[in-house]
N, C-alpha and C. Protein backbone atom coordinates (compact mmCIF):
# COMPACT_ATOMS: atom_id res chain seq x y z
N MET A 1 33.08 61.64 13.64
CA MET A 1 32.79 61.02 14.92
C MET A 1 31.28 60.87 15.10
N ARG A 2 30.55 61.96 14.83
CA ARG A 2 29.10 61.94 14.99
C ARG A 2 28.46 60.95 14.01
N THR A 3 28.98 60.91 12.76
CA THR A 3 28.46 59.99 11.75
C THR A 3 28.72 58.55 12.18
N THR A 4 29.91 58.29 12.72
CA THR A 4 30.25 56.94 13.19
C THR A 4 29.34 56.53 14.34
N LEU A 5 29.10 57.43 15.27
CA LEU A 5 28.23 57.14 16.40
C LEU A 5 26.80 56.88 15.94
N THR A 6 26.32 57.70 15.01
CA THR A 6 24.97 57.50 14.46
C THR A 6 24.87 56.15 13.77
N ALA A 7 25.86 55.79 12.98
CA ALA A 7 25.87 54.50 12.28
C ALA A 7 25.88 53.35 13.28
N ALA A 8 26.65 53.49 14.35
CA ALA A 8 26.72 52.44 15.37
C ALA A 8 25.38 52.28 16.08
N VAL A 9 24.74 53.39 16.40
CA VAL A 9 23.43 53.35 17.07
C VAL A 9 22.39 52.71 16.15
N LEU A 10 22.39 53.09 14.87
CA LEU A 10 21.43 52.52 13.93
C LEU A 10 21.68 51.02 13.72
N SER A 11 22.95 50.62 13.65
CA SER A 11 23.27 49.19 13.51
C SER A 11 22.80 48.41 14.73
N LEU A 12 23.03 48.96 15.92
CA LEU A 12 22.60 48.29 17.15
C LEU A 12 21.08 48.20 17.21
N ALA A 13 20.40 49.25 16.79
CA ALA A 13 18.93 49.23 16.77
C ALA A 13 18.42 48.18 15.79
N ALA A 14 19.02 48.12 14.61
CA ALA A 14 18.62 47.12 13.61
C ALA A 14 18.88 45.71 14.15
N LEU A 15 20.04 45.51 14.77
CA LEU A 15 20.37 44.20 15.33
C LEU A 15 19.37 43.80 16.40
N THR A 16 19.02 44.74 17.28
CA THR A 16 18.05 44.46 18.34
C THR A 16 16.70 44.07 17.76
N ILE A 17 16.24 44.80 16.76
CA ILE A 17 14.94 44.50 16.15
C ILE A 17 14.96 43.15 15.45
N VAL A 18 15.97 42.94 14.61
CA VAL A 18 16.02 41.69 13.83
C VAL A 18 16.25 40.49 14.73
N LEU A 19 17.22 40.57 15.64
CA LEU A 19 17.48 39.42 16.51
C LEU A 19 16.34 39.21 17.50
N GLY A 20 15.74 40.30 17.98
CA GLY A 20 14.59 40.15 18.87
C GLY A 20 13.45 39.42 18.17
N SER A 21 13.20 39.81 16.95
CA SER A 21 12.17 39.15 16.15
C SER A 21 12.55 37.70 15.87
N ALA A 22 13.82 37.47 15.55
CA ALA A 22 14.29 36.11 15.24
C ALA A 22 14.20 35.22 16.47
N LEU A 23 14.53 35.75 17.63
CA LEU A 23 14.45 34.94 18.85
C LEU A 23 13.01 34.61 19.18
N ALA A 24 12.10 35.52 18.88
CA ALA A 24 10.69 35.27 19.16
C ALA A 24 10.09 34.27 18.18
N SER A 25 10.44 34.39 16.90
CA SER A 25 9.81 33.52 15.91
C SER A 25 10.80 32.63 15.18
N GLY A 26 12.08 32.76 15.48
CA GLY A 26 13.12 32.00 14.80
C GLY A 26 13.62 32.78 13.60
N PRO A 27 14.85 32.47 13.17
CA PRO A 27 15.39 33.17 12.00
C PRO A 27 14.63 32.73 10.74
N PRO A 28 14.83 33.45 9.64
CA PRO A 28 14.18 33.03 8.40
C PRO A 28 14.49 31.56 8.12
N SER A 29 13.48 30.82 7.74
CA SER A 29 13.64 29.39 7.50
C SER A 29 14.11 29.16 6.07
N ARG A 30 15.36 28.74 5.94
CA ARG A 30 15.94 28.49 4.62
C ARG A 30 16.77 27.22 4.69
N THR A 31 16.73 26.45 3.64
CA THR A 31 17.52 25.22 3.59
C THR A 31 18.19 25.11 2.22
N PRO A 32 19.30 24.38 2.17
CA PRO A 32 19.99 24.20 0.89
C PRO A 32 19.12 23.47 -0.13
N ASP A 33 19.43 23.68 -1.38
CA ASP A 33 18.75 23.02 -2.49
C ASP A 33 19.33 21.61 -2.63
N ALA A 34 18.63 20.61 -2.12
CA ALA A 34 19.12 19.22 -2.11
C ALA A 34 19.36 18.70 -3.53
N LYS A 35 18.63 19.20 -4.50
CA LYS A 35 18.80 18.74 -5.88
C LYS A 35 20.11 19.25 -6.50
N ALA A 36 20.69 20.29 -5.92
CA ALA A 36 21.95 20.83 -6.43
C ALA A 36 23.15 20.01 -5.95
N VAL A 37 23.02 19.36 -4.79
CA VAL A 37 24.16 18.67 -4.18
C VAL A 37 24.80 17.63 -5.10
N PRO A 38 24.03 16.77 -5.78
CA PRO A 38 24.68 15.78 -6.66
C PRO A 38 25.44 16.40 -7.84
N LEU A 39 25.15 17.65 -8.15
CA LEU A 39 25.81 18.32 -9.28
C LEU A 39 27.05 19.11 -8.87
N LEU A 40 27.39 19.13 -7.58
CA LEU A 40 28.51 19.93 -7.11
C LEU A 40 29.83 19.55 -7.79
N GLY A 41 29.98 18.29 -8.16
CA GLY A 41 31.20 17.84 -8.81
C GLY A 41 31.43 18.46 -10.17
N THR A 42 30.40 19.05 -10.76
CA THR A 42 30.55 19.69 -12.08
C THR A 42 31.02 21.14 -11.97
N ALA A 43 31.02 21.69 -10.75
CA ALA A 43 31.42 23.08 -10.55
C ALA A 43 32.93 23.23 -10.69
N LYS A 44 33.34 24.25 -11.41
CA LYS A 44 34.76 24.57 -11.56
C LYS A 44 35.12 25.80 -10.71
N ILE A 45 34.12 26.43 -10.16
CA ILE A 45 34.28 27.58 -9.27
C ILE A 45 33.78 27.17 -7.89
N SER A 46 34.58 27.39 -6.86
CA SER A 46 34.16 27.02 -5.51
C SER A 46 33.30 28.12 -4.90
N LEU A 47 32.61 27.77 -3.82
CA LEU A 47 31.81 28.75 -3.09
C LEU A 47 32.70 29.91 -2.65
N LEU A 48 33.88 29.60 -2.15
CA LEU A 48 34.80 30.62 -1.67
C LEU A 48 35.27 31.53 -2.81
N GLN A 49 35.55 30.97 -3.97
CA GLN A 49 35.93 31.79 -5.12
C GLN A 49 34.78 32.72 -5.52
N GLY A 50 33.58 32.21 -5.52
CA GLY A 50 32.42 33.04 -5.84
C GLY A 50 32.23 34.18 -4.85
N ILE A 51 32.41 33.86 -3.57
CA ILE A 51 32.29 34.90 -2.53
C ILE A 51 33.31 36.00 -2.78
N ASN A 52 34.57 35.59 -2.99
CA ASN A 52 35.63 36.58 -3.19
C ASN A 52 35.40 37.42 -4.44
N GLN A 53 34.98 36.79 -5.52
CA GLN A 53 34.75 37.54 -6.77
C GLN A 53 33.57 38.50 -6.62
N ALA A 54 32.49 38.04 -6.02
CA ALA A 54 31.31 38.90 -5.86
C ALA A 54 31.61 40.07 -4.92
N GLN A 55 32.36 39.80 -3.86
CA GLN A 55 32.66 40.86 -2.90
C GLN A 55 33.54 41.95 -3.52
N ALA A 56 34.41 41.58 -4.42
CA ALA A 56 35.30 42.55 -5.06
C ALA A 56 34.53 43.57 -5.91
N HIS A 57 33.35 43.18 -6.40
CA HIS A 57 32.62 44.04 -7.33
C HIS A 57 31.24 44.51 -6.85
N ASN A 58 30.68 43.87 -5.81
CA ASN A 58 29.28 44.13 -5.47
C ASN A 58 29.00 44.48 -4.02
N GLY A 59 30.00 44.59 -3.18
CA GLY A 59 29.77 44.91 -1.78
C GLY A 59 29.95 43.69 -0.89
N ARG A 60 29.62 43.87 0.35
CA ARG A 60 29.81 42.83 1.36
C ARG A 60 28.93 41.61 1.07
N VAL A 61 29.54 40.44 1.04
CA VAL A 61 28.78 39.22 0.77
C VAL A 61 28.09 38.77 2.06
N ILE A 62 26.78 38.49 1.96
CA ILE A 62 25.98 38.14 3.13
C ILE A 62 25.41 36.73 3.07
N GLU A 63 25.50 36.07 1.92
CA GLU A 63 24.99 34.70 1.77
C GLU A 63 25.56 34.15 0.46
N ALA A 64 25.81 32.85 0.43
CA ALA A 64 26.29 32.22 -0.81
C ALA A 64 25.81 30.78 -0.84
N LYS A 65 25.45 30.31 -2.05
CA LYS A 65 24.95 28.94 -2.16
C LYS A 65 24.97 28.45 -3.59
N PHE A 66 25.08 27.14 -3.71
CA PHE A 66 24.84 26.48 -4.98
C PHE A 66 23.38 26.08 -4.98
N GLU A 67 22.72 26.28 -6.11
CA GLU A 67 21.32 25.91 -6.25
C GLU A 67 21.04 25.64 -7.72
N LEU A 68 19.85 25.17 -8.01
CA LEU A 68 19.47 24.98 -9.40
C LEU A 68 18.79 26.26 -9.90
N ASP A 69 19.11 26.64 -11.13
CA ASP A 69 18.44 27.81 -11.71
C ASP A 69 17.09 27.38 -12.28
N ASP A 70 16.39 28.29 -12.91
CA ASP A 70 15.05 28.01 -13.43
C ASP A 70 15.03 26.90 -14.47
N SER A 71 16.16 26.68 -15.15
CA SER A 71 16.23 25.63 -16.17
C SER A 71 16.68 24.28 -15.59
N GLY A 72 17.00 24.26 -14.29
CA GLY A 72 17.45 23.02 -13.65
C GLY A 72 18.95 22.83 -13.69
N ALA A 73 19.69 23.82 -14.15
CA ALA A 73 21.15 23.75 -14.20
C ALA A 73 21.75 24.28 -12.90
N LEU A 74 22.94 23.81 -12.58
CA LEU A 74 23.63 24.27 -11.38
C LEU A 74 23.98 25.76 -11.50
N SER A 75 23.72 26.50 -10.44
CA SER A 75 24.02 27.93 -10.39
C SER A 75 24.70 28.25 -9.08
N LEU A 76 25.62 29.18 -9.11
CA LEU A 76 26.23 29.71 -7.90
C LEU A 76 25.60 31.08 -7.67
N SER A 77 24.94 31.23 -6.53
CA SER A 77 24.28 32.49 -6.19
C SER A 77 24.94 33.08 -4.95
N VAL A 78 25.38 34.31 -5.08
CA VAL A 78 26.03 35.02 -3.98
C VAL A 78 25.25 36.31 -3.78
N TYR A 79 24.91 36.58 -2.54
CA TYR A 79 24.12 37.77 -2.21
C TYR A 79 25.03 38.79 -1.55
N ALA A 80 24.95 40.03 -2.02
CA ALA A 80 25.82 41.09 -1.53
C ALA A 80 24.99 42.30 -1.11
N ALA A 81 25.58 43.09 -0.23
CA ALA A 81 24.89 44.28 0.27
C ALA A 81 25.83 45.47 0.27
N LYS A 82 25.27 46.61 -0.09
CA LYS A 82 25.96 47.88 0.08
C LYS A 82 25.12 48.65 1.09
N GLY A 83 25.43 48.42 2.38
CA GLY A 83 24.61 48.98 3.44
C GLY A 83 23.24 48.32 3.42
N PHE A 84 22.26 48.98 4.05
CA PHE A 84 20.90 48.45 4.05
C PHE A 84 20.10 49.00 2.88
N ASP A 85 20.77 49.71 1.96
CA ASP A 85 20.08 50.35 0.84
C ASP A 85 19.95 49.46 -0.39
N VAL A 86 21.01 48.73 -0.71
CA VAL A 86 21.02 47.94 -1.94
C VAL A 86 21.49 46.53 -1.66
N PHE A 87 20.64 45.57 -2.00
CA PHE A 87 20.99 44.15 -1.91
C PHE A 87 20.98 43.59 -3.32
N LYS A 88 21.99 42.77 -3.64
CA LYS A 88 22.08 42.18 -4.98
C LYS A 88 22.23 40.68 -4.91
N GLU A 89 21.67 40.01 -5.91
CA GLU A 89 21.95 38.60 -6.13
C GLU A 89 22.88 38.53 -7.33
N VAL A 90 24.05 37.94 -7.12
CA VAL A 90 25.05 37.78 -8.16
C VAL A 90 25.07 36.28 -8.46
N SER A 91 24.65 35.90 -9.66
CA SER A 91 24.52 34.46 -9.92
C SER A 91 24.88 34.12 -11.36
N GLY A 92 25.29 32.86 -11.52
CA GLY A 92 25.62 32.36 -12.84
C GLY A 92 26.12 30.94 -12.76
N PRO A 93 26.29 30.30 -13.90
CA PRO A 93 26.75 28.91 -13.91
C PRO A 93 28.21 28.81 -13.47
N PRO A 94 28.50 27.91 -12.52
CA PRO A 94 29.86 27.74 -12.03
C PRO A 94 30.62 26.61 -12.75
N THR A 95 30.13 26.21 -13.89
CA THR A 95 30.65 25.01 -14.55
C THR A 95 31.74 25.29 -15.58
N THR A 96 32.19 26.54 -15.67
CA THR A 96 33.33 26.86 -16.53
C THR A 96 34.41 27.47 -15.64
N SER A 97 35.64 27.50 -16.13
CA SER A 97 36.75 27.99 -15.30
C SER A 97 36.68 29.49 -15.02
N SER A 98 35.86 30.20 -15.76
CA SER A 98 35.68 31.63 -15.54
C SER A 98 34.21 31.88 -15.21
N TRP A 99 33.95 32.30 -13.97
CA TRP A 99 32.57 32.57 -13.54
C TRP A 99 32.17 33.96 -14.01
N LYS A 100 31.11 34.03 -14.81
CA LYS A 100 30.63 35.31 -15.35
C LYS A 100 29.18 35.52 -14.92
N PRO A 101 28.99 35.91 -13.66
CA PRO A 101 27.63 36.05 -13.14
C PRO A 101 26.97 37.35 -13.60
N SER A 102 25.66 37.36 -13.47
CA SER A 102 24.91 38.60 -13.64
C SER A 102 24.53 39.08 -12.24
N ALA A 103 24.31 40.36 -12.11
CA ALA A 103 23.93 40.94 -10.81
C ALA A 103 22.57 41.59 -10.94
N ASP A 104 21.66 41.19 -10.07
CA ASP A 104 20.31 41.75 -10.07
C ASP A 104 20.00 42.33 -8.69
N VAL A 105 19.40 43.50 -8.67
CA VAL A 105 18.99 44.11 -7.42
C VAL A 105 17.82 43.31 -6.86
N ILE A 106 17.89 43.02 -5.58
CA ILE A 106 16.83 42.26 -4.90
C ILE A 106 15.69 43.20 -4.57
N LYS A 107 14.47 42.80 -4.95
CA LYS A 107 13.30 43.65 -4.70
C LYS A 107 12.17 42.92 -3.99
N ALA A 108 12.14 41.60 -4.06
CA ALA A 108 11.05 40.83 -3.44
C ALA A 108 11.13 40.96 -1.92
N ARG A 109 9.98 41.14 -1.29
CA ARG A 109 9.91 41.39 0.15
C ARG A 109 10.59 40.31 0.96
N GLU A 110 10.30 39.03 0.71
CA GLU A 110 10.90 37.93 1.48
C GLU A 110 12.42 37.94 1.35
N ASP A 111 12.91 38.19 0.14
CA ASP A 111 14.36 38.24 -0.08
C ASP A 111 14.99 39.43 0.64
N LEU A 112 14.27 40.55 0.69
CA LEU A 112 14.78 41.72 1.42
C LEU A 112 14.83 41.46 2.92
N VAL A 113 13.82 40.77 3.45
CA VAL A 113 13.82 40.42 4.88
C VAL A 113 15.00 39.50 5.18
N ASN A 114 15.19 38.47 4.36
CA ASN A 114 16.31 37.54 4.57
C ASN A 114 17.64 38.28 4.48
N SER A 115 17.79 39.15 3.50
CA SER A 115 19.04 39.88 3.33
C SER A 115 19.31 40.83 4.49
N THR A 116 18.27 41.47 5.00
CA THR A 116 18.42 42.36 6.14
C THR A 116 18.86 41.57 7.37
N PHE A 117 18.27 40.41 7.59
CA PHE A 117 18.66 39.53 8.70
C PHE A 117 20.14 39.17 8.56
N ASP A 118 20.54 38.71 7.36
CA ASP A 118 21.92 38.29 7.12
C ASP A 118 22.90 39.43 7.39
N LEU A 119 22.61 40.60 6.83
CA LEU A 119 23.51 41.73 6.99
C LEU A 119 23.60 42.16 8.45
N THR A 120 22.49 42.15 9.16
CA THR A 120 22.49 42.55 10.56
C THR A 120 23.41 41.66 11.38
N ILE A 121 23.34 40.36 11.17
CA ILE A 121 24.22 39.44 11.90
C ILE A 121 25.68 39.71 11.53
N LEU A 122 25.95 39.88 10.24
CA LEU A 122 27.33 40.07 9.81
C LEU A 122 27.91 41.42 10.24
N GLN A 123 27.08 42.43 10.36
CA GLN A 123 27.59 43.73 10.80
C GLN A 123 28.10 43.67 12.24
N GLU A 124 27.55 42.80 13.02
CA GLU A 124 27.98 42.68 14.41
C GLU A 124 28.99 41.55 14.59
N SER A 125 29.42 40.98 13.48
CA SER A 125 30.32 39.83 13.49
C SER A 125 31.78 40.26 13.43
N SER A 126 32.64 39.43 13.99
CA SER A 126 34.08 39.69 13.89
C SER A 126 34.69 38.97 12.69
N ILE A 127 33.88 38.19 11.96
CA ILE A 127 34.37 37.50 10.76
C ILE A 127 33.42 37.75 9.60
N ASP A 128 33.91 37.53 8.39
CA ASP A 128 33.04 37.64 7.22
C ASP A 128 32.67 36.24 6.73
N LEU A 129 31.84 36.18 5.70
CA LEU A 129 31.37 34.90 5.18
C LEU A 129 32.52 34.04 4.66
N ALA A 130 33.48 34.66 3.96
CA ALA A 130 34.62 33.91 3.42
C ALA A 130 35.42 33.25 4.55
N THR A 131 35.65 33.97 5.63
CA THR A 131 36.38 33.41 6.77
C THR A 131 35.62 32.25 7.39
N ALA A 132 34.31 32.37 7.49
CA ALA A 132 33.49 31.28 8.05
C ALA A 132 33.61 30.03 7.17
N VAL A 133 33.57 30.19 5.86
CA VAL A 133 33.70 29.05 4.95
C VAL A 133 35.08 28.43 5.11
N GLN A 134 36.13 29.25 5.19
CA GLN A 134 37.48 28.73 5.38
C GLN A 134 37.59 27.94 6.68
N ARG A 135 37.02 28.45 7.76
CA ARG A 135 37.07 27.76 9.05
C ARG A 135 36.30 26.44 9.00
N ALA A 136 35.17 26.46 8.32
CA ALA A 136 34.37 25.23 8.20
C ALA A 136 35.14 24.18 7.40
N LEU A 137 35.77 24.59 6.31
CA LEU A 137 36.53 23.65 5.49
C LEU A 137 37.78 23.13 6.22
N ALA A 138 38.30 23.90 7.16
CA ALA A 138 39.43 23.43 7.96
C ALA A 138 38.97 22.32 8.92
N LYS A 139 37.72 22.37 9.33
CA LYS A 139 37.16 21.35 10.24
C LYS A 139 36.64 20.13 9.49
N GLN A 140 36.10 20.37 8.29
CA GLN A 140 35.48 19.28 7.51
C GLN A 140 35.90 19.45 6.05
N LYS A 141 36.72 18.54 5.56
CA LYS A 141 37.15 18.60 4.16
C LYS A 141 35.98 18.27 3.25
N GLY A 142 35.95 18.88 2.07
CA GLY A 142 34.90 18.61 1.11
C GLY A 142 34.59 19.83 0.28
N ILE A 143 33.36 19.89 -0.22
CA ILE A 143 32.91 21.01 -1.05
C ILE A 143 31.88 21.81 -0.27
N ALA A 144 32.22 23.05 0.05
CA ALA A 144 31.25 23.93 0.71
C ALA A 144 30.22 24.34 -0.32
N TYR A 145 28.93 24.19 0.05
CA TYR A 145 27.90 24.52 -0.93
C TYR A 145 26.82 25.47 -0.43
N TRP A 146 26.93 25.89 0.80
CA TRP A 146 25.91 26.81 1.32
C TRP A 146 26.47 27.50 2.55
N ALA A 147 26.40 28.81 2.61
CA ALA A 147 26.87 29.57 3.77
C ALA A 147 25.90 30.72 4.02
N ILE A 148 25.40 30.76 5.26
CA ILE A 148 24.35 31.74 5.56
C ILE A 148 24.36 32.11 7.04
N PRO A 149 24.21 33.39 7.36
CA PRO A 149 24.07 33.78 8.77
C PRO A 149 22.78 33.18 9.35
N THR A 150 22.86 32.78 10.60
CA THR A 150 21.71 32.15 11.25
C THR A 150 21.85 32.28 12.76
N LEU A 151 20.94 31.69 13.47
CA LEU A 151 21.07 31.57 14.92
C LEU A 151 21.26 30.10 15.25
N HIS A 152 22.25 29.81 16.06
CA HIS A 152 22.49 28.46 16.55
C HIS A 152 22.11 28.49 18.02
N GLY A 153 20.92 27.97 18.33
CA GLY A 153 20.34 28.22 19.64
C GLY A 153 19.94 29.68 19.65
N LYS A 154 20.51 30.44 20.55
CA LYS A 154 20.23 31.88 20.58
C LYS A 154 21.45 32.70 20.18
N GLN A 155 22.48 32.01 19.69
CA GLN A 155 23.73 32.69 19.35
C GLN A 155 23.86 32.90 17.84
N PRO A 156 24.24 34.11 17.42
CA PRO A 156 24.48 34.33 15.99
C PRO A 156 25.65 33.47 15.51
N ALA A 157 25.51 32.92 14.32
CA ALA A 157 26.53 32.06 13.73
C ALA A 157 26.38 32.10 12.22
N ILE A 158 27.34 31.49 11.54
CA ILE A 158 27.23 31.29 10.10
C ILE A 158 27.14 29.78 9.89
N GLY A 159 26.04 29.36 9.30
CA GLY A 159 25.85 27.95 9.00
C GLY A 159 26.50 27.64 7.67
N VAL A 160 27.35 26.61 7.64
CA VAL A 160 28.02 26.22 6.41
C VAL A 160 27.76 24.74 6.16
N TYR A 161 27.25 24.43 4.98
CA TYR A 161 27.04 23.04 4.58
C TYR A 161 28.19 22.61 3.69
N ILE A 162 28.69 21.40 3.96
CA ILE A 162 29.81 20.84 3.19
C ILE A 162 29.46 19.42 2.80
N ARG A 163 29.72 19.09 1.53
CA ARG A 163 29.59 17.70 1.09
C ARG A 163 30.98 17.09 1.15
N SER A 164 31.12 16.03 1.96
CA SER A 164 32.41 15.37 2.11
C SER A 164 32.65 14.41 0.94
N GLY A 165 33.85 13.86 0.88
CA GLY A 165 34.24 12.96 -0.20
C GLY A 165 33.37 11.72 -0.32
N ASP A 166 32.75 11.30 0.79
CA ASP A 166 31.88 10.12 0.76
C ASP A 166 30.45 10.46 0.36
N GLY A 167 30.21 11.75 0.00
CA GLY A 167 28.89 12.17 -0.47
C GLY A 167 27.95 12.62 0.63
N LYS A 168 28.37 12.56 1.88
CA LYS A 168 27.51 12.98 2.99
C LYS A 168 27.58 14.49 3.18
N SER A 169 26.46 15.06 3.61
CA SER A 169 26.41 16.49 3.92
C SER A 169 26.65 16.70 5.41
N HIS A 170 27.40 17.74 5.70
CA HIS A 170 27.72 18.11 7.08
C HIS A 170 27.35 19.57 7.27
N HIS A 171 26.66 19.87 8.37
CA HIS A 171 26.25 21.24 8.67
C HIS A 171 27.07 21.72 9.85
N LEU A 172 27.88 22.72 9.65
CA LEU A 172 28.72 23.28 10.71
C LEU A 172 28.25 24.68 11.04
N PHE A 173 28.30 25.02 12.31
CA PHE A 173 27.97 26.37 12.76
C PHE A 173 29.27 27.04 13.18
N ILE A 174 29.58 28.14 12.54
CA ILE A 174 30.80 28.89 12.84
C ILE A 174 30.39 30.13 13.64
N PRO A 175 30.86 30.25 14.90
CA PRO A 175 30.51 31.42 15.71
C PRO A 175 31.00 32.70 15.03
N VAL A 176 30.23 33.78 15.19
CA VAL A 176 30.58 35.03 14.53
C VAL A 176 31.38 35.98 15.44
N SER A 177 31.59 35.58 16.67
CA SER A 177 32.38 36.46 17.55
C SER A 177 33.51 35.71 18.19
């Protein structure tokens, strides 16, 4: 009971600090990799499949996206957290029927700030990233290629980008409560 209460107080304190800072200066500024969008048709693994696979082995998924890797090839990157202690980037090419990502511990300061923001929003959320992607795809058919906790106005949400069949990108905000 005492451990649960302490965890709840610490989560609320972290949420207050992160959201207070985000409301004052805005959430971390991140946008999808536009160069990856034309390559989405080559992916054999969906964003949702990547989220589910990464979550089964690496902890709670806090962000997922298709992007180009250092060589310019399409990559599926899923970010996971085990509490506020360990954040991982799980990434690899999604162009084969079996996704075999590598997992690297996140150490760069900017990435740690972004991951802390993401986890803080999701800890206070009634849904997870996979549910947000499912809800977005129910509203807009297509290929989900980016899902990230954010603020929509002053309200916490999960932003999901979807490329529809006509090639247009759609940005949906899924409320977290």
